[in-house]
Amino acid sequence: MNYQWYPGHMTKAKRMMQENSKLIDLMIELVDARIPTSSRNPDIDEIGKNKSRLIILNKSDLADETANKIWMEYFQKKGFYAVEVNSRSGAGVRSIQSVVREACREKIERDRKRGILNRPVRAMVVGIPNVGKSTFINAFAGKACTKTGNKPGVTKGKQWIRLGKGVEMLDTPGILWPKFEDQQVGLLLALIGSIKDEILLTEELAVELIGLLRQLYPGTLQNRFGIEETGENFSLLQEICIRRRCFTKGEEPDLRKASAMLMEEFRNGKLGRITLEKPE
């Protein structure tokens, strides 16, 4: 399966982000903690050059706890500020304010020397679709101030949000890039729900997920579904289908239903805390 999704509104969104980059002091980039490299849009580094940078490892509760720590160290060594966050529960969000001030310390000091006091730090919140930008902003603000949804493409345009006296944030639509040079990146983006499910072949995606789980977290499928992890990946999907009684009205195995169920359980963390890639 060829993984690609770049609807026209993303070109417009990227242009808007480029235009607004001159207004900001800090770029806050959310990545999915389960695939921290593949969920980084390479275009964002160009848009955010010469700006202070903060990486938020969001959905950290769904990712491997040990891997989260390794990824935090990885980004910090690259020169980014980094924070591990679960936006849905609010875990890690309280530490953001102090990190934002630290990241923009030079800017705040320049303002003070010029006699400019209490000018808020302006930050642009960026990331790929469905990485949780709006949920993060709502958690940071302590109220529902942006639209949220567990699907890509909920945020359509830019929204400035004032968060107390100290910070203003610009929420932006999630954008991908025009072509995935590495189809493994496309696969991982599809698995976490950053590519529209309607254009994907769910059964193929589920078989790929089974293969990754067997490689990276052996025993996961056995523990969850009570199946032996032997044979072909497709045969394991068939086993899962039978164990979960995913049948059509004619009592035929419904592999599409079983595949959708497996994908949902992975995305919601029911298979355990799983990280699908490691730092180079």
C-alpha atoms as a PDB file:
ATOM      1  CA  MET A   1       0.000   0.000   0.000  1.00  0.00           C
ATOM      2  CA  ASN A   2       1.266   3.471  -0.902  1.00  0.00           C
ATOM      3  CA  TYR A   3       0.858   5.892   2.004  1.00  0.00           C
ATOM      4  CA  GLN A   4       0.217   9.487   1.000  1.00  0.00           C
ATOM      5  CA  TRP A   5      -2.242  12.191   2.047  1.00  0.00           C
ATOM      6  CA  TYR A   6      -1.801  15.879   1.288  1.00  0.00           C
ATOM      7  CA  PRO A   7      -5.157  17.640   0.741  1.00  0.00           C
ATOM      8  CA  GLY A   8      -5.112  21.156  -0.694  1.00  0.00           C
ATOM      9  CA  HIS A   9      -5.861  22.952   2.574  1.00  0.00           C
ATOM     10  CA  MET A  10      -2.454  21.881   3.924  1.00  0.00           C
ATOM     11  CA  THR A  11      -0.646  24.014   1.333  1.00  0.00           C
ATOM     12  CA  LYS A  12      -2.709  27.000   2.455  1.00  0.00           C
ATOM     13  CA  ALA A  13      -2.040  26.189   6.117  1.00  0.00           C
ATOM     14  CA  LYS A  14       1.705  25.957   5.538  1.00  0.00           C
ATOM     15  CA  ARG A  15       1.691  29.349   3.814  1.00  0.00           C
ATOM     16  CA  MET A  16      -0.224  30.848   6.747  1.00  0.00           C
ATOM     17  CA  MET A  17       2.310  29.431   9.196  1.00  0.00           C
ATOM     18  CA  GLN A  18       5.205  30.885   7.192  1.00  0.00           C
ATOM     19  CA  GLU A  19       3.544  34.321   7.186  1.00  0.00           C
ATOM     20  CA  ASN A  20       2.880  34.241  10.939  1.00  0.00           C
ATOM     21  CA  SER A  21       6.302  32.911  11.914  1.00  0.00           C
ATOM     22  CA  LYS A  22       7.689  36.453  11.998  1.00  0.00           C
ATOM     23  CA  LEU A  23       5.171  37.325  14.739  1.00  0.00           C
ATOM     24  CA  ILE A  24       6.266  34.643  17.191  1.00  0.00           C
ATOM     25  CA  ASP A  25       9.010  34.152  19.776  1.00  0.00           C
ATOM     26  CA  LEU A  26       8.683  30.407  20.222  1.00  0.00           C
ATOM     27  CA  MET A  27       7.604  27.414  18.158  1.00  0.00           C
ATOM     28  CA  ILE A  28       5.978  24.619  20.149  1.00  0.00           C
ATOM     29  CA  GLU A  29       5.989  21.419  18.121  1.00  0.00           C
ATOM     30  CA  LEU A  30       3.869  18.495  19.248  1.00  0.00           C
ATOM     31  CA  VAL A  31       4.987  15.011  18.283  1.00  0.00           C
ATOM     32  CA  ASP A  32       3.331  11.669  18.988  1.00  0.00           C
ATOM     33  CA  ALA A  33       5.418   9.932  21.655  1.00  0.00           C
ATOM     34  CA  ARG A  34       4.829   6.565  19.951  1.00  0.00           C
ATOM     35  CA  ILE A  35       6.645   7.730  16.778  1.00  0.00           C
ATOM     36  CA  PRO A  36       8.596  10.880  17.723  1.00  0.00           C
ATOM     37  CA  THR A  37      10.662  11.091  14.522  1.00  0.00           C
ATOM     38  CA  SER A  38       8.062  10.054  11.961  1.00  0.00           C
ATOM     39  CA  SER A  39       5.506  12.449  13.469  1.00  0.00           C
ATOM     40  CA  ARG A  40       7.797  15.431  12.829  1.00  0.00           C
ATOM     41  CA  ASN A  41       7.035  17.335   9.651  1.00  0.00           C
ATOM     42  CA  PRO A  42      10.433  18.264   8.100  1.00  0.00           C
ATOM     43  CA  ASP A  43       8.932  21.519   6.768  1.00  0.00           C
ATOM     44  CA  ILE A  44       8.472  22.778  10.335  1.00  0.00           C
ATOM     45  CA  ASP A  45      12.234  23.067  10.914  1.00  0.00           C
ATOM     46  CA  GLU A  46      12.442  25.495   7.989  1.00  0.00           C
ATOM     47  CA  ILE A  47       9.441  27.521   9.170  1.00  0.00           C
ATOM     48  CA  GLY A  48      10.812  27.689  12.725  1.00  0.00           C
ATOM     49  CA  LYS A  49      14.462  28.450  11.989  1.00  0.00           C
ATOM     50  CA  ASN A  50      15.957  31.181  14.191  1.00  0.00           C
ATOM     51  CA  LYS A  51      13.133  30.698  16.721  1.00  0.00           C
ATOM     52  CA  SER A  52      13.276  29.124  20.161  1.00  0.00           C
ATOM     53  CA  ARG A  53      12.001  25.544  19.906  1.00  0.00           C
ATOM     54  CA  LEU A  54      10.054  23.361  22.314  1.00  0.00           C
ATOM     55  CA  ILE A  55       9.184  19.735  21.548  1.00  0.00           C
ATOM     56  CA  ILE A  56       6.132  18.294  23.323  1.00  0.00           C
ATOM     57  CA  LEU A  57       6.057  14.486  23.456  1.00  0.00           C
ATOM     58  CA  ASN A  58       2.277  14.239  23.540  1.00  0.00           C
ATOM     59  CA  LYS A  59       0.227  11.088  24.197  1.00  0.00           C
ATOM     60  CA  SER A  60       3.117   9.934  26.371  1.00  0.00           C
ATOM     61  CA  ASP A  61       0.706   7.747  28.345  1.00  0.00           C
ATOM     62  CA  LEU A  62       0.280   5.569  25.236  1.00  0.00           C
ATOM     63  CA  ALA A  63       4.029   5.202  24.667  1.00  0.00           C
ATOM     64  CA  ASP A  64       6.623   3.001  26.339  1.00  0.00           C
ATOM     65  CA  GLU A  65       7.737   4.754  29.547  1.00  0.00           C
ATOM     66  CA  THR A  66      11.405   3.828  29.101  1.00  0.00           C
ATOM     67  CA  ALA A  67      11.337   4.943  25.464  1.00  0.00           C
ATOM     68  CA  ASN A  68       9.852   8.308  26.502  1.00  0.00           C
ATOM     69  CA  LYS A  69      12.893   9.043  28.661  1.00  0.00           C
ATOM     70  CA  ILE A  70      15.266   8.047  25.852  1.00  0.00           C
ATOM     71  CA  TRP A  71      13.449  10.323  23.395  1.00  0.00           C
ATOM     72  CA  MET A  72      13.489  13.236  25.858  1.00  0.00           C
ATOM     73  CA  GLU A  73      17.281  12.946  26.121  1.00  0.00           C
ATOM     74  CA  TYR A  74      17.555  12.625  22.340  1.00  0.00           C
ATOM     75  CA  PHE A  75      15.731  15.907  21.661  1.00  0.00           C
ATOM     76  CA  GLN A  76      17.533  17.769  24.438  1.00  0.00           C
ATOM     77  CA  LYS A  77      20.880  16.708  22.971  1.00  0.00           C
ATOM     78  CA  LYS A  78      19.664  18.091  19.635  1.00  0.00           C
ATOM     79  CA  GLY A  79      19.259  21.492  21.284  1.00  0.00           C
ATOM     80  CA  PHE A  80      15.491  21.493  21.792  1.00  0.00           C
ATOM     81  CA  TYR A  81      13.626  22.093  24.999  1.00  0.00           C
ATOM     82  CA  ALA A  82      11.486  19.000  25.558  1.00  0.00           C
ATOM     83  CA  VAL A  83       8.556  18.071  27.802  1.00  0.00           C
ATOM     84  CA  GLU A  84       6.660  14.805  28.173  1.00  0.00           C
ATOM     85  CA  VAL A  85       2.887  15.413  28.259  1.00  0.00           C
ATOM     86  CA  ASN A  86      -0.464  13.638  28.386  1.00  0.00           C
ATOM     87  CA  SER A  87      -2.813  16.387  27.260  1.00  0.00           C
ATOM     88  CA  ARG A  88      -5.962  14.387  27.958  1.00  0.00           C
ATOM     89  CA  SER A  89      -5.211  13.990  31.677  1.00  0.00           C
ATOM     90  CA  GLY A  90      -3.118  17.153  31.966  1.00  0.00           C
ATOM     91  CA  ALA A  91      -0.032  15.275  33.183  1.00  0.00           C
ATOM     92  CA  GLY A  92       3.107  17.314  32.511  1.00  0.00           C
ATOM     93  CA  VAL A  93       1.186  20.408  31.383  1.00  0.00           C
ATOM     94  CA  ARG A  94       1.926  22.475  34.506  1.00  0.00           C
ATOM     95  CA  SER A  95       5.651  22.392  33.782  1.00  0.00           C
ATOM     96  CA  ILE A  96       5.164  24.030  30.373  1.00  0.00           C
ATOM     97  CA  GLN A  97       4.877  27.612  31.653  1.00  0.00           C
ATOM     98  CA  SER A  98       8.332  27.597  33.243  1.00  0.00           C
ATOM     99  CA  VAL A  99       9.871  25.866  30.208  1.00  0.00           C
ATOM    100  CA  VAL A 100       8.337  28.485  27.895  1.00  0.00           C
ATOM    101  CA  ARG A 101       9.853  31.268  29.981  1.00  0.00           C
ATOM    102  CA  GLU A 102      13.224  29.528  30.037  1.00  0.00           C
ATOM    103  CA  ALA A 103      13.142  28.994  26.260  1.00  0.00           C
ATOM    104  CA  CYS A 104      12.379  32.694  25.744  1.00  0.00           C
ATOM    105  CA  ARG A 105      14.617  34.026  28.510  1.00  0.00           C
ATOM    106  CA  GLU A 106      16.787  36.070  26.119  1.00  0.00           C
ATOM    107  CA  LYS A 107      13.733  37.671  24.507  1.00  0.00           C
ATOM    108  CA  ILE A 108      12.228  38.524  27.906  1.00  0.00           C
ATOM    109  CA  GLU A 109      15.552  40.025  29.032  1.00  0.00           C
ATOM    110  CA  ARG A 110      15.817  42.124  25.837  1.00  0.00           C
ATOM    111  CA  ASP A 111      12.303  43.456  26.440  1.00  0.00           C
ATOM    112  CA  ARG A 112      13.177  44.327  30.048  1.00  0.00           C
ATOM    113  CA  LYS A 113      16.264  46.277  28.979  1.00  0.00           C
ATOM    114  CA  ARG A 114      14.145  48.230  26.499  1.00  0.00           C
ATOM    115  CA  GLY A 115      11.622  49.019  29.216  1.00  0.00           C
ATOM    116  CA  ILE A 116       9.008  46.702  27.732  1.00  0.00           C
ATOM    117  CA  LEU A 117       7.404  44.886  30.650  1.00  0.00           C
ATOM    118  CA  ASN A 118       4.828  42.090  30.653  1.00  0.00           C
ATOM    119  CA  ARG A 119       4.673  41.689  26.879  1.00  0.00           C
ATOM    120  CA  PRO A 120       3.400  38.116  26.455  1.00  0.00           C
ATOM    121  CA  VAL A 121       5.493  35.445  24.826  1.00  0.00           C
ATOM    122  CA  ARG A 122       3.918  34.573  21.478  1.00  0.00           C
ATOM    123  CA  ALA A 123       4.101  30.908  20.559  1.00  0.00           C
ATOM    124  CA  MET A 124       2.939  28.998  17.493  1.00  0.00           C
ATOM    125  CA  VAL A 125       1.676  25.471  18.191  1.00  0.00           C
ATOM    126  CA  VAL A 126       2.434  23.192  15.256  1.00  0.00           C
ATOM    127  CA  GLY A 127       2.370  19.521  14.356  1.00  0.00           C
ATOM    128  CA  ILE A 128       0.918  16.884  12.080  1.00  0.00           C
ATOM    129  CA  PRO A 129      -2.801  16.002  12.028  1.00  0.00           C
ATOM    130  CA  ASN A 130      -4.267  14.245  15.067  1.00  0.00           C
ATOM    131  CA  VAL A 131      -1.221  14.798  17.280  1.00  0.00           C
ATOM    132  CA  GLY A 132      -3.342  16.605  19.893  1.00  0.00           C
ATOM    133  CA  LYS A 133      -2.524  20.300  19.470  1.00  0.00           C
ATOM    134  CA  SER A 134      -5.954  21.627  20.389  1.00  0.00           C
ATOM    135  CA  THR A 135      -6.289  19.242  23.344  1.00  0.00           C
ATOM    136  CA  PHE A 136      -2.867  20.415  24.558  1.00  0.00           C
ATOM    137  CA  ILE A 137      -3.847  24.103  24.331  1.00  0.00           C
ATOM    138  CA  ASN A 138      -7.101  23.448  26.193  1.00  0.00           C
ATOM    139  CA  ALA A 139      -5.206  21.593  28.928  1.00  0.00           C
ATOM    140  CA  PHE A 140      -2.622  24.381  29.156  1.00  0.00           C
ATOM    141  CA  ALA A 141      -5.329  27.037  29.320  1.00  0.00           C
ATOM    142  CA  GLY A 142      -7.398  25.033  31.789  1.00  0.00           C
ATOM    143  CA  LYS A 143     -10.535  25.412  29.684  1.00  0.00           C
ATOM    144  CA  ALA A 144     -11.996  24.391  26.358  1.00  0.00           C
ATOM    145  CA  CYS A 145     -10.927  27.255  24.109  1.00  0.00           C
ATOM    146  CA  THR A 146     -10.374  25.399  20.829  1.00  0.00           C
ATOM    147  CA  LYS A 147     -12.198  22.672  18.964  1.00  0.00           C
ATOM    148  CA  THR A 148     -10.854  19.169  19.541  1.00  0.00           C
ATOM    149  CA  GLY A 149     -11.494  15.739  18.081  1.00  0.00           C
ATOM    150  CA  ASN A 150      -9.862  12.343  17.775  1.00  0.00           C
ATOM    151  CA  LYS A 151      -9.454  12.596  14.033  1.00  0.00           C
ATOM    152  CA  PRO A 152      -7.194  14.540  11.672  1.00  0.00           C
ATOM    153  CA  GLY A 153      -8.262  17.918  10.370  1.00  0.00           C
ATOM    154  CA  VAL A 154     -10.435  19.357  13.161  1.00  0.00           C
ATOM    155  CA  THR A 155      -8.566  22.688  13.237  1.00  0.00           C
ATOM    156  CA  LYS A 156      -9.183  24.394   9.863  1.00  0.00           C
ATOM    157  CA  GLY A 157      -7.746  27.888  10.386  1.00  0.00           C
ATOM    158  CA  LYS A 158      -5.537  29.814  12.763  1.00  0.00           C
ATOM    159  CA  GLN A 159      -6.705  30.748  16.264  1.00  0.00           C
ATOM    160  CA  TRP A 160      -4.859  33.058  18.685  1.00  0.00           C
ATOM    161  CA  ILE A 161      -5.497  32.148  22.317  1.00  0.00           C
ATOM    162  CA  ARG A 162      -4.500  34.364  25.259  1.00  0.00           C
ATOM    163  CA  LEU A 163      -3.311  32.236  28.185  1.00  0.00           C
ATOM    164  CA  GLY A 164      -3.154  34.605  31.131  1.00  0.00           C
ATOM    165  CA  LYS A 165      -0.759  37.549  31.012  1.00  0.00           C
ATOM    166  CA  GLY A 166       2.341  35.616  30.094  1.00  0.00           C
ATOM    167  CA  VAL A 167       1.641  33.635  26.921  1.00  0.00           C
ATOM    168  CA  GLU A 168      -0.320  33.931  23.693  1.00  0.00           C
ATOM    169  CA  MET A 169      -0.582  30.820  21.513  1.00  0.00           C
ATOM    170  CA  LEU A 170      -1.457  30.476  17.864  1.00  0.00           C
ATOM    171  CA  ASP A 171      -3.190  27.176  17.156  1.00  0.00           C
ATOM    172  CA  THR A 172      -2.605  25.973  13.595  1.00  0.00           C
ATOM    173  CA  PRO A 173      -4.037  23.197  11.425  1.00  0.00           C
ATOM    174  CA  GLY A 174      -2.156  19.920  11.332  1.00  0.00           C
ATOM    175  CA  ILE A 175      -0.059  19.610   8.191  1.00  0.00           C
ATOM    176  CA  LEU A 176       1.810  16.762   6.543  1.00  0.00           C
ATOM    177  CA  TRP A 177       4.331  17.142   3.733  1.00  0.00           C
ATOM    178  CA  PRO A 178       3.738  16.520   0.022  1.00  0.00           C
ATOM    179  CA  LYS A 179       5.629  13.228  -0.323  1.00  0.00           C
ATOM    180  CA  PHE A 180       6.853  10.586   2.111  1.00  0.00           C
ATOM    181  CA  GLU A 181      10.246   9.561   0.784  1.00  0.00           C
ATOM    182  CA  ASP A 182      10.254   6.634   3.211  1.00  0.00           C
ATOM    183  CA  GLN A 183       7.030   4.623   3.072  1.00  0.00           C
ATOM    184  CA  GLN A 184       7.762   3.284   6.571  1.00  0.00           C
ATOM    185  CA  VAL A 185       7.096   6.825   7.795  1.00  0.00           C
ATOM    186  CA  GLY A 186       3.773   6.796   5.952  1.00  0.00           C
ATOM    187  CA  LEU A 187       2.899   3.451   7.551  1.00  0.00           C
ATOM    188  CA  LEU A 188       3.616   4.732  11.063  1.00  0.00           C
ATOM    189  CA  LEU A 189       1.580   7.887  10.448  1.00  0.00           C
ATOM    190  CA  ALA A 190      -1.304   5.750   9.225  1.00  0.00           C
ATOM    191  CA  LEU A 191      -1.101   3.542  12.319  1.00  0.00           C
ATOM    192  CA  ILE A 192      -1.478   6.456  14.768  1.00  0.00           C
ATOM    193  CA  GLY A 193      -4.357   7.995  12.785  1.00  0.00           C
ATOM    194  CA  SER A 194      -2.629  10.977  11.158  1.00  0.00           C
ATOM    195  CA  ILE A 195      -3.690   9.880   7.678  1.00  0.00           C
ATOM    196  CA  LYS A 196      -7.388   9.758   6.902  1.00  0.00           C
ATOM    197  CA  ASP A 197      -8.607   6.197   7.581  1.00  0.00           C
ATOM    198  CA  GLU A 198     -11.076   6.334   4.702  1.00  0.00           C
ATOM    199  CA  ILE A 199      -8.278   6.259   2.109  1.00  0.00           C
ATOM    200  CA  LEU A 200      -6.457   3.304   3.720  1.00  0.00           C
ATOM    201  CA  LEU A 201      -6.839  -0.462   3.391  1.00  0.00           C
ATOM    202  CA  THR A 202      -7.604  -1.367   6.993  1.00  0.00           C
ATOM    203  CA  GLU A 203      -6.774  -5.073   6.669  1.00  0.00           C
ATOM    204  CA  GLU A 204      -3.317  -4.336   5.232  1.00  0.00           C
ATOM    205  CA  LEU A 205      -2.675  -1.794   7.976  1.00  0.00           C
ATOM    206  CA  ALA A 206      -3.687  -4.298  10.672  1.00  0.00           C
ATOM    207  CA  VAL A 207      -1.353  -6.950   9.226  1.00  0.00           C
ATOM    208  CA  GLU A 208       1.520  -4.422   9.284  1.00  0.00           C
ATOM    209  CA  LEU A 209       0.721  -3.562  12.905  1.00  0.00           C
ATOM    210  CA  ILE A 210       0.734  -7.246  13.850  1.00  0.00           C
ATOM    211  CA  GLY A 211       4.193  -7.584  12.299  1.00  0.00           C
ATOM    212  CA  LEU A 212       5.553  -4.595  14.244  1.00  0.00           C
ATOM    213  CA  LEU A 213       4.075  -5.812  17.526  1.00  0.00           C
ATOM    214  CA  ARG A 214       5.586  -9.280  17.059  1.00  0.00           C
ATOM    215  CA  GLN A 215       8.974  -7.687  16.374  1.00  0.00           C
ATOM    216  CA  LEU A 216       9.009  -4.968  19.044  1.00  0.00           C
ATOM    217  CA  TYR A 217       6.694  -6.256  21.773  1.00  0.00           C
ATOM    218  CA  PRO A 218       6.469 -10.043  21.492  1.00  0.00           C
ATOM    219  CA  GLY A 219       3.734 -11.535  23.645  1.00  0.00           C
ATOM    220  CA  THR A 220       1.398  -8.534  23.310  1.00  0.00           C
ATOM    221  CA  LEU A 221      -1.036 -10.297  20.986  1.00  0.00           C
ATOM    222  CA  GLN A 222      -0.927 -13.480  23.025  1.00  0.00           C
ATOM    223  CA  ASN A 223      -1.692 -11.587  26.235  1.00  0.00           C
ATOM    224  CA  ARG A 224      -4.503  -9.559  24.691  1.00  0.00           C
ATOM    225  CA  PHE A 225      -6.180 -12.105  22.433  1.00  0.00           C
ATOM    226  CA  GLY A 226      -4.980 -15.457  23.725  1.00  0.00           C
ATOM    227  CA  ILE A 227      -3.389 -16.526  20.434  1.00  0.00           C
ATOM    228  CA  GLU A 228      -0.045 -18.134  19.679  1.00  0.00           C
ATOM    229  CA  GLU A 229       2.269 -15.708  17.863  1.00  0.00           C
ATOM    230  CA  THR A 230       3.367 -18.185  15.206  1.00  0.00           C
ATOM    231  CA  GLY A 231       2.780 -18.369  11.460  1.00  0.00           C
ATOM    232  CA  GLU A 232       2.027 -15.544   9.035  1.00  0.00           C
ATOM    233  CA  ASN A 233       0.807 -12.147  10.202  1.00  0.00           C
ATOM    234  CA  PHE A 234      -2.359 -12.519   8.135  1.00  0.00           C
ATOM    235  CA  SER A 235      -3.183 -15.812   9.840  1.00  0.00           C
ATOM    236  CA  LEU A 236      -2.870 -14.065  13.209  1.00  0.00           C
ATOM    237  CA  LEU A 237      -5.386 -11.460  12.050  1.00  0.00           C
ATOM    238  CA  GLN A 238      -7.727 -14.315  11.161  1.00  0.00           C
ATOM    239  CA  GLU A 239      -7.201 -15.784  14.639  1.00  0.00           C
ATOM    240  CA  ILE A 240      -7.977 -12.437  16.265  1.00  0.00           C
ATOM    241  CA  CYS A 241     -11.095 -12.191  14.110  1.00  0.00           C
ATOM    242  CA  ILE A 242     -12.332 -15.550  15.384  1.00  0.00           C
ATOM    243  CA  ARG A 243     -11.380 -14.914  19.030  1.00  0.00           C
ATOM    244  CA  ARG A 244     -13.242 -11.612  19.044  1.00  0.00           C
ATOM    245  CA  ARG A 245     -16.153 -13.144  17.116  1.00  0.00           C
ATOM    246  CA  CYS A 246     -15.998 -10.626  14.300  1.00  0.00           C
ATOM    247  CA  PHE A 247     -18.429 -12.272  11.888  1.00  0.00           C
ATOM    248  CA  THR A 248     -20.821 -11.109   9.209  1.00  0.00           C
ATOM    249  CA  LYS A 249     -24.528 -11.889   9.448  1.00  0.00           C
ATOM    250  CA  GLY A 250     -23.775 -15.000   7.410  1.00  0.00           C
ATOM    251  CA  GLU A 251     -21.282 -16.100  10.076  1.00  0.00           C
ATOM    252  CA  GLU A 252     -18.320 -15.468   7.767  1.00  0.00           C
ATOM    253  CA  PRO A 253     -15.163 -13.972   9.341  1.00  0.00           C
ATOM    254  CA  ASP A 254     -15.285 -10.168   9.043  1.00  0.00           C
ATOM    255  CA  LEU A 255     -11.629  -9.212   8.686  1.00  0.00           C
ATOM    256  CA  ARG A 256     -12.420  -5.537   8.109  1.00  0.00           C
ATOM    257  CA  LYS A 257     -14.251  -5.353  11.445  1.00  0.00           C
ATOM    258  CA  ALA A 258     -11.450  -7.230  13.225  1.00  0.00           C
ATOM    259  CA  SER A 259      -8.841  -4.932  11.661  1.00  0.00           C
ATOM    260  CA  ALA A 260     -10.707  -1.789  12.727  1.00  0.00           C
ATOM    261  CA  MET A 261     -11.027  -3.197  16.242  1.00  0.00           C
ATOM    262  CA  LEU A 262      -7.296  -3.982  16.422  1.00  0.00           C
ATOM    263  CA  MET A 263      -6.374  -0.498  15.195  1.00  0.00           C
ATOM    264  CA  GLU A 264      -8.699   1.139  17.722  1.00  0.00           C
ATOM    265  CA  GLU A 265      -7.278  -0.912  20.604  1.00  0.00           C
ATOM    266  CA  PHE A 266      -3.732   0.056  19.619  1.00  0.00           C
ATOM    267  CA  ARG A 267      -4.594   3.741  19.287  1.00  0.00           C
ATOM    268  CA  ASN A 268      -6.421   3.822  22.623  1.00  0.00           C
ATOM    269  CA  GLY A 269      -3.634   2.065  24.507  1.00  0.00           C
ATOM    270  CA  LYS A 270      -5.549  -1.129  25.207  1.00  0.00           C
ATOM    271  CA  LEU A 271      -2.670  -3.225  23.850  1.00  0.00           C
ATOM    272  CA  GLY A 272      -0.308  -1.589  26.344  1.00  0.00           C
ATOM    273  CA  ARG A 273       2.205   1.254  26.193  1.00  0.00           C
ATOM    274  CA  ILE A 274       3.891   0.880  22.818  1.00  0.00           C
ATOM    275  CA  THR A 275       6.573   2.924  21.031  1.00  0.00           C
ATOM    276  CA  LEU A 276       7.103   1.998  17.383  1.00  0.00           C
ATOM    277  CA  GLU A 277      10.462   3.643  16.749  1.00  0.00           C
ATOM    278  CA  LYS A 278      13.706   4.299  18.576  1.00  0.00           C
ATOM    279  CA  PRO A 279      16.288   7.092  18.185  1.00  0.00           C
ATOM    280  CA  GLU A 280      18.979   6.477  15.604  1.00  0.00           C
END
